[in-house]
Amino acid sequence: MTARFRFRQPSVIPGFGLTFGFTLAYFSIIILIPLIALVLRASGIGFEGFWKAATDARVLASLRTSFVTALFAAAINVVFGTLIAWVLVRYRFPGRRIFDAMVDLPFALPTAVAGIALTAIYAPNGFVGQLVAPLGWRIAYTPVGIVIAMIFIGLPFVVRTIQPILEETSREVEEASATLGASRFQTISRVLLPSLTPAILTGFALAFARAVGEYGSVIFIAGNIPFVSEIAPLLIVIRLEEFNYTGAAVIATVMLLISFVMLFVINLIQAWSRRRYGYGS
């Protein structure tokens, strides 16, 4: 006998109607209505005008810069964020609490301060920039600098997403795997990674979404050169300063659509991994 679908599951705690209504109202006022207004403003010029504005060479270049650099930054954060979370959870060493607290520093630090600090370090006359300048390498005022800024602001999302899962993973599982003859690589790939995959994907999605919309820490180190290191959020600001509100709305709408599709795909993969390995069910 198949269970019937229920809109509301029984609960011993009352107040479903009030809390559900507040949730819908909050979601509509804060998220849904502004997004609808944005799309309506962008669609006011018609499909032909929207397509022309969205496929402008400068717009496409800025979108490519934003999304490609955000993907690189999120991928790098997944690797190093997982390693940092592993070290913080599995090992005890002097200063561990300090390092653990420093992970959250990008949350509290104003993005403009982060951008100025990174630019001062990686500029051609900065501490790191002057070391690589003789090799013909440039970090600041290039897409590489954008990636570094996005890594800085996105790392906490990965670490804080994976860290609780590692804390819940018992060491006995690893020891049992080793006792049964599994190598270290097999223990990592077949025991640990399956349980961490949903958290890793969540951290990747959060870091990617944060990086795509980042503005304050990027504009200082990017150089903001059209067709080279100009990000889409900056182009939106430029369009607003030109009083081209419709053009800004078009760029924002395109960013919204691309971000939604990419996050939707990531969520599908995350849901599949949870069903595949039986976690989060």
C-alpha atoms as a PDB file:
ATOM      1  CA  MET A   1       0.000   0.000   0.000  1.00  0.00           C
ATOM      2  CA  THR A   2       1.560   3.246  -1.111  1.00  0.00           C
ATOM      3  CA  ALA A   3       1.636   6.164   1.292  1.00  0.00           C
ATOM      4  CA  ARG A   4      -0.472   9.143   0.325  1.00  0.00           C
ATOM      5  CA  PHE A   5       1.185  12.477  -0.244  1.00  0.00           C
ATOM      6  CA  ARG A   6       0.698  14.861   2.620  1.00  0.00           C
ATOM      7  CA  PHE A   7       1.212  18.565   2.305  1.00  0.00           C
ATOM      8  CA  ARG A   8       1.938  18.789   6.033  1.00  0.00           C
ATOM      9  CA  GLN A   9       3.453  16.013   8.113  1.00  0.00           C
ATOM     10  CA  PRO A  10       1.976  15.536  11.594  1.00  0.00           C
ATOM     11  CA  SER A  11       3.910  17.303  14.340  1.00  0.00           C
ATOM     12  CA  VAL A  12       3.556  17.615  18.096  1.00  0.00           C
ATOM     13  CA  ILE A  13       4.597  21.270  17.837  1.00  0.00           C
ATOM     14  CA  PRO A  14       1.767  23.550  16.664  1.00  0.00           C
ATOM     15  CA  GLY A  15       2.061  26.659  14.544  1.00  0.00           C
ATOM     16  CA  PHE A  16       2.526  25.258  11.040  1.00  0.00           C
ATOM     17  CA  GLY A  17       0.130  27.740   9.422  1.00  0.00           C
ATOM     18  CA  LEU A  18       1.734  30.773  11.021  1.00  0.00           C
ATOM     19  CA  THR A  19       5.333  29.741  10.343  1.00  0.00           C
ATOM     20  CA  PHE A  20       4.579  28.552   6.802  1.00  0.00           C
ATOM     21  CA  GLY A  21       2.809  31.829   6.008  1.00  0.00           C
ATOM     22  CA  PHE A  22       5.716  33.827   7.437  1.00  0.00           C
ATOM     23  CA  THR A  23       8.149  31.751   5.348  1.00  0.00           C
ATOM     24  CA  LEU A  24       6.218  32.394   2.136  1.00  0.00           C
ATOM     25  CA  ALA A  25       5.880  36.108   2.903  1.00  0.00           C
ATOM     26  CA  TYR A  26       9.561  36.462   3.762  1.00  0.00           C
ATOM     27  CA  PHE A  27      10.640  34.509   0.680  1.00  0.00           C
ATOM     28  CA  SER A  28       8.365  36.558  -1.570  1.00  0.00           C
ATOM     29  CA  ILE A  29       9.316  39.987  -0.229  1.00  0.00           C
ATOM     30  CA  ILE A  30      13.049  39.425   0.122  1.00  0.00           C
ATOM     31  CA  ILE A  31      13.785  37.137  -2.852  1.00  0.00           C
ATOM     32  CA  LEU A  32      10.950  36.416  -5.262  1.00  0.00           C
ATOM     33  CA  ILE A  33       9.504  39.892  -5.848  1.00  0.00           C
ATOM     34  CA  PRO A  34      12.891  41.621  -6.421  1.00  0.00           C
ATOM     35  CA  LEU A  35      13.930  38.902  -8.878  1.00  0.00           C
ATOM     36  CA  ILE A  36      10.648  39.148 -10.759  1.00  0.00           C
ATOM     37  CA  ALA A  37      11.016  42.937 -10.914  1.00  0.00           C
ATOM     38  CA  LEU A  38      14.542  42.495 -12.271  1.00  0.00           C
ATOM     39  CA  VAL A  39      13.391  40.125 -15.018  1.00  0.00           C
ATOM     40  CA  LEU A  40      10.463  42.369 -15.931  1.00  0.00           C
ATOM     41  CA  ARG A  41      12.755  45.395 -16.193  1.00  0.00           C
ATOM     42  CA  ALA A  42      15.136  43.483 -18.448  1.00  0.00           C
ATOM     43  CA  SER A  43      12.331  42.098 -20.631  1.00  0.00           C
ATOM     44  CA  GLY A  44      10.850  45.554 -21.156  1.00  0.00           C
ATOM     45  CA  ILE A  45      13.003  46.109 -24.251  1.00  0.00           C
ATOM     46  CA  GLY A  46      11.660  43.001 -25.965  1.00  0.00           C
ATOM     47  CA  PHE A  47      13.396  39.790 -26.933  1.00  0.00           C
ATOM     48  CA  GLU A  48      15.397  41.342 -29.755  1.00  0.00           C
ATOM     49  CA  GLY A  49      16.649  44.172 -27.562  1.00  0.00           C
ATOM     50  CA  PHE A  50      17.387  41.782 -24.710  1.00  0.00           C
ATOM     51  CA  TRP A  51      19.357  39.468 -26.996  1.00  0.00           C
ATOM     52  CA  LYS A  52      21.317  42.336 -28.476  1.00  0.00           C
ATOM     53  CA  ALA A  53      22.238  43.687 -25.036  1.00  0.00           C
ATOM     54  CA  ALA A  54      23.037  40.229 -23.637  1.00  0.00           C
ATOM     55  CA  THR A  55      25.271  39.218 -26.564  1.00  0.00           C
ATOM     56  CA  ASP A  56      27.279  42.431 -26.621  1.00  0.00           C
ATOM     57  CA  ALA A  57      30.963  41.561 -26.890  1.00  0.00           C
ATOM     58  CA  ARG A  58      31.893  43.399 -23.690  1.00  0.00           C
ATOM     59  CA  VAL A  59      29.045  41.784 -21.758  1.00  0.00           C
ATOM     60  CA  LEU A  60      30.018  38.291 -22.923  1.00  0.00           C
ATOM     61  CA  ALA A  61      33.661  38.925 -22.027  1.00  0.00           C
ATOM     62  CA  SER A  62      32.744  40.095 -18.514  1.00  0.00           C
ATOM     63  CA  LEU A  63      30.417  37.137 -17.978  1.00  0.00           C
ATOM     64  CA  ARG A  64      33.109  34.745 -19.141  1.00  0.00           C
ATOM     65  CA  THR A  65      35.632  36.334 -16.792  1.00  0.00           C
ATOM     66  CA  SER A  66      33.266  36.140 -13.808  1.00  0.00           C
ATOM     67  CA  PHE A  67      32.080  32.571 -14.274  1.00  0.00           C
ATOM     68  CA  VAL A  68      35.360  31.010 -15.418  1.00  0.00           C
ATOM     69  CA  THR A  69      37.373  32.561 -12.590  1.00  0.00           C
ATOM     70  CA  ALA A  70      34.639  31.611 -10.098  1.00  0.00           C
ATOM     71  CA  LEU A  71      34.749  27.987 -11.285  1.00  0.00           C
ATOM     72  CA  PHE A  72      38.531  27.867 -10.938  1.00  0.00           C
ATOM     73  CA  ALA A  73      38.398  29.456  -7.490  1.00  0.00           C
ATOM     74  CA  ALA A  74      35.649  27.108  -6.262  1.00  0.00           C
ATOM     75  CA  ALA A  75      37.519  24.047  -7.580  1.00  0.00           C
ATOM     76  CA  ILE A  76      40.735  25.114  -5.858  1.00  0.00           C
ATOM     77  CA  ASN A  77      38.822  25.827  -2.659  1.00  0.00           C
ATOM     78  CA  VAL A  78      37.340  22.332  -2.725  1.00  0.00           C
ATOM     79  CA  VAL A  79      40.819  20.763  -2.745  1.00  0.00           C
ATOM     80  CA  PHE A  80      42.494  22.954  -0.160  1.00  0.00           C
ATOM     81  CA  GLY A  81      39.341  23.504   1.896  1.00  0.00           C
ATOM     82  CA  THR A  82      38.964  19.732   2.300  1.00  0.00           C
ATOM     83  CA  LEU A  83      42.594  19.425   3.373  1.00  0.00           C
ATOM     84  CA  ILE A  84      42.247  22.276   5.877  1.00  0.00           C
ATOM     85  CA  ALA A  85      39.059  20.780   7.316  1.00  0.00           C
ATOM     86  CA  TRP A  86      40.819  17.405   7.614  1.00  0.00           C
ATOM     87  CA  VAL A  87      43.774  18.899   9.478  1.00  0.00           C
ATOM     88  CA  LEU A  88      41.571  20.900  11.845  1.00  0.00           C
ATOM     89  CA  VAL A  89      39.411  17.885  12.695  1.00  0.00           C
ATOM     90  CA  ARG A  90      41.869  15.001  12.726  1.00  0.00           C
ATOM     91  CA  TYR A  91      44.951  16.561  14.342  1.00  0.00           C
ATOM     92  CA  ARG A  92      45.724  18.443  17.536  1.00  0.00           C
ATOM     93  CA  PHE A  93      48.622  20.906  17.396  1.00  0.00           C
ATOM     94  CA  PRO A  94      49.661  24.192  19.043  1.00  0.00           C
ATOM     95  CA  GLY A  95      47.698  27.133  17.671  1.00  0.00           C
ATOM     96  CA  ARG A  96      44.944  24.953  16.233  1.00  0.00           C
ATOM     97  CA  ARG A  97      42.182  27.126  17.711  1.00  0.00           C
ATOM     98  CA  ILE A  98      43.805  30.228  16.238  1.00  0.00           C
ATOM     99  CA  PHE A  99      43.940  28.679  12.767  1.00  0.00           C
ATOM    100  CA  ASP A 100      40.367  27.481  13.165  1.00  0.00           C
ATOM    101  CA  ALA A 101      39.234  31.004  14.003  1.00  0.00           C
ATOM    102  CA  MET A 102      41.215  32.514  11.123  1.00  0.00           C
ATOM    103  CA  VAL A 103      39.197  30.450   8.657  1.00  0.00           C
ATOM    104  CA  ASP A 104      36.211  32.705   9.397  1.00  0.00           C
ATOM    105  CA  LEU A 105      38.220  35.896   8.878  1.00  0.00           C
ATOM    106  CA  PRO A 106      36.882  36.514   5.329  1.00  0.00           C
ATOM    107  CA  PHE A 107      33.356  36.505   6.800  1.00  0.00           C
ATOM    108  CA  ALA A 108      34.133  39.380   9.168  1.00  0.00           C
ATOM    109  CA  LEU A 109      36.635  41.310   7.068  1.00  0.00           C
ATOM    110  CA  PRO A 110      35.153  44.015   4.787  1.00  0.00           C
ATOM    111  CA  THR A 111      35.629  42.980   1.187  1.00  0.00           C
ATOM    112  CA  ALA A 112      37.239  46.301   0.287  1.00  0.00           C
ATOM    113  CA  VAL A 113      39.873  45.762   2.981  1.00  0.00           C
ATOM    114  CA  ALA A 114      40.561  42.290   1.616  1.00  0.00           C
ATOM    115  CA  GLY A 115      40.896  43.672  -1.913  1.00  0.00           C
ATOM    116  CA  ILE A 116      43.334  46.387  -0.851  1.00  0.00           C
ATOM    117  CA  ALA A 117      45.414  43.916   1.163  1.00  0.00           C
ATOM    118  CA  LEU A 118      45.601  41.398  -1.687  1.00  0.00           C
ATOM    119  CA  THR A 119      46.488  44.113  -4.178  1.00  0.00           C
ATOM    120  CA  ALA A 120      49.272  45.403  -1.934  1.00  0.00           C
ATOM    121  CA  ILE A 121      50.740  41.894  -1.742  1.00  0.00           C
ATOM    122  CA  TYR A 122      50.371  40.770  -5.343  1.00  0.00           C
ATOM    123  CA  ALA A 123      50.930  44.069  -7.184  1.00  0.00           C
ATOM    124  CA  PRO A 124      54.153  44.267  -9.263  1.00  0.00           C
ATOM    125  CA  ASN A 125      55.807  46.205  -6.430  1.00  0.00           C
ATOM    126  CA  GLY A 126      54.205  44.094  -3.677  1.00  0.00           C
ATOM    127  CA  PHE A 127      55.841  41.480  -1.493  1.00  0.00           C
ATOM    128  CA  VAL A 128      54.866  38.549  -3.703  1.00  0.00           C
ATOM    129  CA  GLY A 129      54.444  40.453  -6.959  1.00  0.00           C
ATOM    130  CA  GLN A 130      58.026  41.655  -7.040  1.00  0.00           C
ATOM    131  CA  LEU A 131      59.276  38.086  -6.560  1.00  0.00           C
ATOM    132  CA  VAL A 132      57.527  36.788  -9.678  1.00  0.00           C
ATOM    133  CA  ALA A 133      57.913  39.947 -11.762  1.00  0.00           C
ATOM    134  CA  PRO A 134      61.458  39.013 -12.955  1.00  0.00           C
ATOM    135  CA  LEU A 135      59.949  35.785 -14.340  1.00  0.00           C
ATOM    136  CA  GLY A 136      57.540  37.793 -16.469  1.00  0.00           C
ATOM    137  CA  TRP A 137      54.550  36.788 -14.375  1.00  0.00           C
ATOM    138  CA  ARG A 138      51.813  39.165 -13.293  1.00  0.00           C
ATOM    139  CA  ILE A 139      49.257  38.324 -10.624  1.00  0.00           C
ATOM    140  CA  ALA A 140      47.472  41.564  -9.844  1.00  0.00           C
ATOM    141  CA  TYR A 141      45.453  43.238 -12.603  1.00  0.00           C
ATOM    142  CA  THR A 142      44.980  39.889 -14.380  1.00  0.00           C
ATOM    143  CA  PRO A 143      42.404  37.058 -14.156  1.00  0.00           C
ATOM    144  CA  VAL A 144      44.869  35.266 -11.869  1.00  0.00           C
ATOM    145  CA  GLY A 145      44.428  38.022  -9.313  1.00  0.00           C
ATOM    146  CA  ILE A 146      40.656  37.668  -9.602  1.00  0.00           C
ATOM    147  CA  VAL A 147      40.930  33.939  -8.864  1.00  0.00           C
ATOM    148  CA  ILE A 148      43.070  34.635  -5.783  1.00  0.00           C
ATOM    149  CA  ALA A 149      40.548  37.149  -4.433  1.00  0.00           C
ATOM    150  CA  MET A 150      37.707  34.684  -5.022  1.00  0.00           C
ATOM    151  CA  ILE A 151      39.644  31.918  -3.291  1.00  0.00           C
ATOM    152  CA  PHE A 152      40.109  34.180  -0.286  1.00  0.00           C
ATOM    153  CA  ILE A 153      36.421  34.974   0.131  1.00  0.00           C
ATOM    154  CA  GLY A 154      35.149  31.462  -0.756  1.00  0.00           C
ATOM    155  CA  LEU A 155      37.415  29.236   1.350  1.00  0.00           C
ATOM    156  CA  PRO A 156      35.370  29.438   4.591  1.00  0.00           C
ATOM    157  CA  PHE A 157      32.268  28.117   2.832  1.00  0.00           C
ATOM    158  CA  VAL A 158      34.054  24.899   1.892  1.00  0.00           C
ATOM    159  CA  VAL A 159      35.824  24.384   5.214  1.00  0.00           C
ATOM    160  CA  ARG A 160      32.752  25.041   7.358  1.00  0.00           C
ATOM    161  CA  THR A 161      30.591  22.780   5.194  1.00  0.00           C
ATOM    162  CA  ILE A 162      32.949  19.793   5.256  1.00  0.00           C
ATOM    163  CA  GLN A 163      34.216  20.166   8.838  1.00  0.00           C
ATOM    164  CA  PRO A 164      31.003  19.009  10.616  1.00  0.00           C
ATOM    165  CA  ILE A 165      30.776  15.899   8.429  1.00  0.00           C
ATOM    166  CA  LEU A 166      34.366  14.975   9.242  1.00  0.00           C
ATOM    167  CA  GLU A 167      33.676  15.448  12.938  1.00  0.00           C
ATOM    168  CA  GLU A 168      30.770  12.999  12.690  1.00  0.00           C
ATOM    169  CA  THR A 169      32.850  10.437  10.791  1.00  0.00           C
ATOM    170  CA  SER A 170      34.248   8.021  13.342  1.00  0.00           C
ATOM    171  CA  ARG A 171      37.916   7.051  13.260  1.00  0.00           C
ATOM    172  CA  GLU A 172      36.779   3.474  13.817  1.00  0.00           C
ATOM    173  CA  VAL A 173      35.510   3.361  10.230  1.00  0.00           C
ATOM    174  CA  GLU A 174      38.981   4.174   8.942  1.00  0.00           C
ATOM    175  CA  GLU A 175      40.576   1.690  11.320  1.00  0.00           C
ATOM    176  CA  ALA A 176      38.136  -1.032  10.255  1.00  0.00           C
ATOM    177  CA  SER A 177      38.954  -0.335   6.622  1.00  0.00           C
ATOM    178  CA  ALA A 178      42.680  -0.666   7.308  1.00  0.00           C
ATOM    179  CA  THR A 179      42.099  -3.839   9.348  1.00  0.00           C
ATOM    180  CA  LEU A 180      40.277  -5.412   6.407  1.00  0.00           C
ATOM    181  CA  GLY A 181      43.326  -4.811   4.234  1.00  0.00           C
ATOM    182  CA  ALA A 182      42.383  -1.623   2.414  1.00  0.00           C
ATOM    183  CA  SER A 183      45.188   0.673   1.380  1.00  0.00           C
ATOM    184  CA  ARG A 184      45.220   4.339   2.348  1.00  0.00           C
ATOM    185  CA  PHE A 185      44.035   5.302  -1.127  1.00  0.00           C
ATOM    186  CA  GLN A 186      41.178   2.790  -0.963  1.00  0.00           C
ATOM    187  CA  THR A 187      40.158   4.055   2.474  1.00  0.00           C
ATOM    188  CA  ILE A 188      40.046   7.620   1.205  1.00  0.00           C
ATOM    189  CA  SER A 189      38.346   6.883  -2.121  1.00  0.00           C
ATOM    190  CA  ARG A 190      35.862   4.222  -0.997  1.00  0.00           C
ATOM    191  CA  VAL A 191      35.179   5.045   2.647  1.00  0.00           C
ATOM    192  CA  LEU A 192      35.734   8.743   3.284  1.00  0.00           C
ATOM    193  CA  LEU A 193      34.966  10.439  -0.037  1.00  0.00           C
ATOM    194  CA  PRO A 194      31.480   8.905  -0.490  1.00  0.00           C
ATOM    195  CA  SER A 195      30.391  10.334   2.867  1.00  0.00           C
ATOM    196  CA  LEU A 196      32.007  13.691   2.094  1.00  0.00           C
ATOM    197  CA  THR A 197      30.743  14.054  -1.490  1.00  0.00           C
ATOM    198  CA  PRO A 198      27.440  15.832  -0.663  1.00  0.00           C
ATOM    199  CA  ALA A 199      29.245  18.254   1.671  1.00  0.00           C
ATOM    200  CA  ILE A 200      31.970  18.865  -0.912  1.00  0.00           C
ATOM    201  CA  LEU A 201      29.385  19.637  -3.581  1.00  0.00           C
ATOM    202  CA  THR A 202      27.539  21.946  -1.191  1.00  0.00           C
ATOM    203  CA  GLY A 203      30.765  23.764  -0.340  1.00  0.00           C
ATOM    204  CA  PHE A 204      31.610  24.048  -4.031  1.00  0.00           C
ATOM    205  CA  ALA A 205      28.173  25.506  -4.816  1.00  0.00           C
ATOM    206  CA  LEU A 206      28.373  28.027  -1.976  1.00  0.00           C
ATOM    207  CA  ALA A 207      31.919  29.092  -2.851  1.00  0.00           C
ATOM    208  CA  PHE A 208      31.015  29.385  -6.534  1.00  0.00           C
ATOM    209  CA  ALA A 209      27.886  31.443  -5.857  1.00  0.00           C
ATOM    210  CA  ARG A 210      29.794  33.724  -3.507  1.00  0.00           C
ATOM    211  CA  ALA A 211      32.609  34.209  -6.018  1.00  0.00           C
ATOM    212  CA  VAL A 212      30.336  34.989  -8.975  1.00  0.00           C
ATOM    213  CA  GLY A 213      28.696  37.862  -7.131  1.00  0.00           C
ATOM    214  CA  GLU A 214      31.841  39.186  -5.459  1.00  0.00           C
ATOM    215  CA  TYR A 215      32.626  42.819  -6.125  1.00  0.00           C
ATOM    216  CA  GLY A 216      34.482  44.622  -3.343  1.00  0.00           C
ATOM    217  CA  SER A 217      37.570  42.448  -3.037  1.00  0.00           C
ATOM    218  CA  VAL A 218      37.884  41.839  -6.786  1.00  0.00           C
ATOM    219  CA  ILE A 219      37.774  45.327  -8.298  1.00  0.00           C
ATOM    220  CA  PHE A 220      40.983  46.390  -6.554  1.00  0.00           C
ATOM    221  CA  ILE A 221      43.107  43.473  -7.745  1.00  0.00           C
ATOM    222  CA  ALA A 222      41.405  42.864 -11.117  1.00  0.00           C
ATOM    223  CA  GLY A 223      42.600  45.985 -12.915  1.00  0.00           C
ATOM    224  CA  ASN A 224      39.126  46.199 -14.497  1.00  0.00           C
ATOM    225  CA  ILE A 225      40.420  46.099 -18.078  1.00  0.00           C
ATOM    226  CA  PRO A 226      37.587  45.467 -20.572  1.00  0.00           C
ATOM    227  CA  PHE A 227      37.853  42.114 -22.378  1.00  0.00           C
ATOM    228  CA  VAL A 228      40.689  41.102 -20.011  1.00  0.00           C
ATOM    229  CA  SER A 229      39.871  41.420 -16.323  1.00  0.00           C
ATOM    230  CA  GLU A 230      36.505  43.154 -16.130  1.00  0.00           C
ATOM    231  CA  ILE A 231      33.930  41.220 -14.095  1.00  0.00           C
ATOM    232  CA  ALA A 232      30.190  41.280 -14.728  1.00  0.00           C
ATOM    233  CA  PRO A 233      29.232  42.931 -11.383  1.00  0.00           C
ATOM    234  CA  LEU A 234      31.540  45.832 -12.220  1.00  0.00           C
ATOM    235  CA  LEU A 235      29.959  46.201 -15.671  1.00  0.00           C
ATOM    236  CA  ILE A 236      26.551  46.343 -13.995  1.00  0.00           C
ATOM    237  CA  VAL A 237      27.777  49.233 -11.837  1.00  0.00           C
ATOM    238  CA  ILE A 238      29.181  50.951 -14.926  1.00  0.00           C
ATOM    239  CA  ARG A 239      25.840  50.630 -16.704  1.00  0.00           C
ATOM    240  CA  LEU A 240      24.090  52.108 -13.666  1.00  0.00           C
ATOM    241  CA  GLU A 241      26.514  55.038 -13.595  1.00  0.00           C
ATOM    242  CA  GLU A 242      25.669  55.606 -17.266  1.00  0.00           C
ATOM    243  CA  PHE A 243      21.959  55.632 -16.288  1.00  0.00           C
ATOM    244  CA  ASN A 244      21.486  52.584 -18.506  1.00  0.00           C
ATOM    245  CA  TYR A 245      19.282  50.789 -16.000  1.00  0.00           C
ATOM    246  CA  THR A 246      17.837  48.399 -18.560  1.00  0.00           C
ATOM    247  CA  GLY A 247      21.314  47.341 -19.703  1.00  0.00           C
ATOM    248  CA  ALA A 248      22.303  46.692 -16.087  1.00  0.00           C
ATOM    249  CA  ALA A 249      19.115  44.667 -15.572  1.00  0.00           C
ATOM    250  CA  VAL A 250      19.892  42.575 -18.674  1.00  0.00           C
ATOM    251  CA  ILE A 251      23.376  41.680 -17.412  1.00  0.00           C
ATOM    252  CA  ALA A 252      21.997  40.871 -13.973  1.00  0.00           C
ATOM    253  CA  THR A 253      19.274  38.693 -15.477  1.00  0.00           C
ATOM    254  CA  VAL A 254      21.772  36.746 -17.573  1.00  0.00           C
ATOM    255  CA  MET A 255      23.924  36.200 -14.476  1.00  0.00           C
ATOM    256  CA  LEU A 256      20.832  35.063 -12.581  1.00  0.00           C
ATOM    257  CA  LEU A 257      19.869  32.547 -15.270  1.00  0.00           C
ATOM    258  CA  ILE A 258      23.365  31.094 -15.628  1.00  0.00           C
ATOM    259  CA  SER A 259      23.843  30.865 -11.860  1.00  0.00           C
ATOM    260  CA  PHE A 260      20.448  29.220 -11.415  1.00  0.00           C
ATOM    261  CA  VAL A 261      21.153  26.580 -14.059  1.00  0.00           C
ATOM    262  CA  MET A 262      24.606  25.780 -12.673  1.00  0.00           C
ATOM    263  CA  LEU A 263      23.388  25.573  -9.069  1.00  0.00           C
ATOM    264  CA  PHE A 264      20.423  23.465 -10.167  1.00  0.00           C
ATOM    265  CA  VAL A 265      22.764  20.987 -11.853  1.00  0.00           C
ATOM    266  CA  ILE A 266      25.015  20.917  -8.778  1.00  0.00           C
ATOM    267  CA  ASN A 267      22.002  20.228  -6.552  1.00  0.00           C
ATOM    268  CA  LEU A 268      20.911  17.387  -8.841  1.00  0.00           C
ATOM    269  CA  ILE A 269      24.362  15.837  -8.612  1.00  0.00           C
ATOM    270  CA  GLN A 270      24.327  16.316  -4.845  1.00  0.00           C
ATOM    271  CA  ALA A 271      20.929  14.637  -4.538  1.00  0.00           C
ATOM    272  CA  TRP A 272      22.126  11.770  -6.733  1.00  0.00           C
ATOM    273  CA  SER A 273      25.236  11.258  -4.590  1.00  0.00           C
ATOM    274  CA  ARG A 274      23.122  11.154  -1.438  1.00  0.00           C
ATOM    275  CA  ARG A 275      20.836   8.512  -2.932  1.00  0.00           C
ATOM    276  CA  ARG A 276      23.789   6.619  -4.372  1.00  0.00           C
ATOM    277  CA  TYR A 277      25.691   6.358  -1.118  1.00  0.00           C
ATOM    278  CA  GLY A 278      22.748   6.484   1.265  1.00  0.00           C
ATOM    279  CA  TYR A 279      23.740   9.688   3.102  1.00  0.00           C
ATOM    280  CA  GLY A 280      21.357  12.415   4.074  1.00  0.00           C
ATOM    281  CA  SER A 281      18.305  10.212   3.514  1.00  0.00           C
END
